Amino acid sequence: MIRTISIGSYISIQGFFEGLAANGNILVRVGSRTYEGKPIGR
């Protein structure tokens, strides 16, 4: 499932959902890199 997250005020990343972090953020994978950020609502 592809999800979009926000990192900071101006950067958003779209990638494959990897899991939930303990602080409420979500993890997405883009290629071999994993990013953590706040989910963007639907």
N, C-alpha and C. Protein backbone atom coordinates (compact mmCIF):
# COMPACT_ATOMS: atom_id res chain seq x y z
N MET A 1 0.84 -1.16 0.00
CA MET A 1 0.00 0.00 0.00
C MET A 1 0.90 1.24 0.00
N ILE A 2 0.62 2.17 -0.86
CA ILE A 2 1.42 3.39 -0.95
C ILE A 2 0.82 4.45 -0.03
N ARG A 3 1.68 5.08 0.77
CA ARG A 3 1.24 6.13 1.71
C ARG A 3 2.10 7.37 1.50
N THR A 4 1.57 8.51 1.92
CA THR A 4 2.29 9.77 1.83
C THR A 4 2.52 10.30 3.23
N ILE A 5 3.75 10.74 3.50
CA ILE A 5 4.08 11.31 4.80
C ILE A 5 4.65 12.71 4.61
N SER A 6 4.60 13.48 5.68
CA SER A 6 5.15 14.82 5.69
C SER A 6 6.37 14.84 6.59
N ILE A 7 7.46 15.38 6.06
CA ILE A 7 8.68 15.56 6.83
C ILE A 7 8.97 17.06 6.84
N GLY A 8 8.86 17.66 7.99
CA GLY A 8 9.04 19.11 8.07
C GLY A 8 7.83 19.84 7.51
N SER A 9 8.04 21.08 7.11
CA SER A 9 6.93 21.90 6.62
C SER A 9 6.70 21.80 5.13
N TYR A 10 7.76 21.48 4.37
CA TYR A 10 7.66 21.57 2.92
C TYR A 10 7.93 20.28 2.16
N ILE A 11 8.35 19.25 2.85
CA ILE A 11 8.74 18.02 2.17
C ILE A 11 7.72 16.93 2.44
N SER A 12 7.22 16.31 1.36
CA SER A 12 6.37 15.13 1.50
C SER A 12 6.98 14.01 0.67
N ILE A 13 6.82 12.80 1.18
CA ILE A 13 7.40 11.62 0.55
C ILE A 13 6.31 10.58 0.38
N GLN A 14 6.29 9.95 -0.78
CA GLN A 14 5.33 8.90 -1.06
C GLN A 14 6.09 7.60 -1.27
N GLY A 15 5.68 6.55 -0.55
CA GLY A 15 6.36 5.27 -0.66
C GLY A 15 5.51 4.14 -0.12
N PHE A 16 6.09 2.96 -0.09
CA PHE A 16 5.37 1.78 0.38
C PHE A 16 5.34 1.75 1.90
N PHE A 17 4.16 1.50 2.48
CA PHE A 17 3.97 1.47 3.92
C PHE A 17 4.79 0.34 4.53
N GLU A 18 5.58 0.66 5.57
CA GLU A 18 6.42 -0.33 6.25
C GLU A 18 5.92 -0.65 7.65
N GLY A 19 5.35 0.32 8.35
CA GLY A 19 4.88 0.07 9.70
C GLY A 19 4.65 1.36 10.46
N LEU A 20 4.29 1.19 11.74
CA LEU A 20 4.03 2.31 12.62
C LEU A 20 5.18 2.48 13.60
N ALA A 21 5.55 3.72 13.87
CA ALA A 21 6.56 4.01 14.89
C ALA A 21 5.86 4.20 16.24
N ALA A 22 6.61 4.08 17.30
CA ALA A 22 6.05 4.19 18.65
C ALA A 22 5.48 5.59 18.94
N ASN A 23 5.97 6.60 18.26
CA ASN A 23 5.53 7.98 18.50
C ASN A 23 4.33 8.39 17.64
N GLY A 24 3.73 7.48 16.91
CA GLY A 24 2.56 7.79 16.09
C GLY A 24 2.87 8.09 14.64
N ASN A 25 4.13 8.22 14.29
CA ASN A 25 4.52 8.43 12.90
C ASN A 25 4.44 7.11 12.15
N ILE A 26 4.52 7.18 10.82
CA ILE A 26 4.55 5.96 10.02
C ILE A 26 5.86 5.88 9.25
N LEU A 27 6.21 4.68 8.86
CA LEU A 27 7.43 4.42 8.10
C LEU A 27 7.07 4.04 6.68
N VAL A 28 7.73 4.64 5.71
CA VAL A 28 7.54 4.30 4.30
C VAL A 28 8.89 3.98 3.69
N ARG A 29 8.89 3.09 2.71
CA ARG A 29 10.13 2.71 2.02
C ARG A 29 10.09 3.22 0.59
N VAL A 30 11.21 3.85 0.20
CA VAL A 30 11.41 4.31 -1.17
C VAL A 30 12.74 3.70 -1.62
N GLY A 31 12.66 2.72 -2.48
CA GLY A 31 13.88 2.01 -2.89
C GLY A 31 14.47 1.28 -1.71
N SER A 32 15.72 1.58 -1.37
CA SER A 32 16.35 0.92 -0.23
C SER A 32 16.34 1.79 1.02
N ARG A 33 15.72 2.96 0.97
CA ARG A 33 15.70 3.88 2.11
C ARG A 33 14.35 3.87 2.79
N THR A 34 14.35 4.04 4.11
CA THR A 34 13.13 4.11 4.90
C THR A 34 13.04 5.48 5.54
N TYR A 35 11.86 6.09 5.47
CA TYR A 35 11.63 7.42 6.01
C TYR A 35 10.53 7.36 7.05
N GLU A 36 10.62 8.23 8.05
CA GLU A 36 9.61 8.33 9.10
C GLU A 36 9.03 9.73 9.10
N GLY A 37 7.69 9.81 9.18
CA GLY A 37 7.06 11.12 9.20
C GLY A 37 5.59 11.04 9.58
N LYS A 38 4.96 12.17 9.60
CA LYS A 38 3.54 12.24 9.96
C LYS A 38 2.69 11.91 8.74
N PRO A 39 1.68 11.08 8.92
CA PRO A 39 0.83 10.73 7.77
C PRO A 39 0.01 11.92 7.30
N ILE A 40 -0.20 12.00 6.00
CA ILE A 40 -1.06 13.02 5.40
C ILE A 40 -2.43 12.38 5.20
N GLY A 41 -3.47 13.07 5.68
CA GLY A 41 -4.83 12.54 5.62
C GLY A 41 -5.32 12.34 4.21
N ARG A 42 -6.33 11.52 4.08
CA ARG A 42 -6.90 11.19 2.77
C ARG A 42 -7.91 12.20 2.34
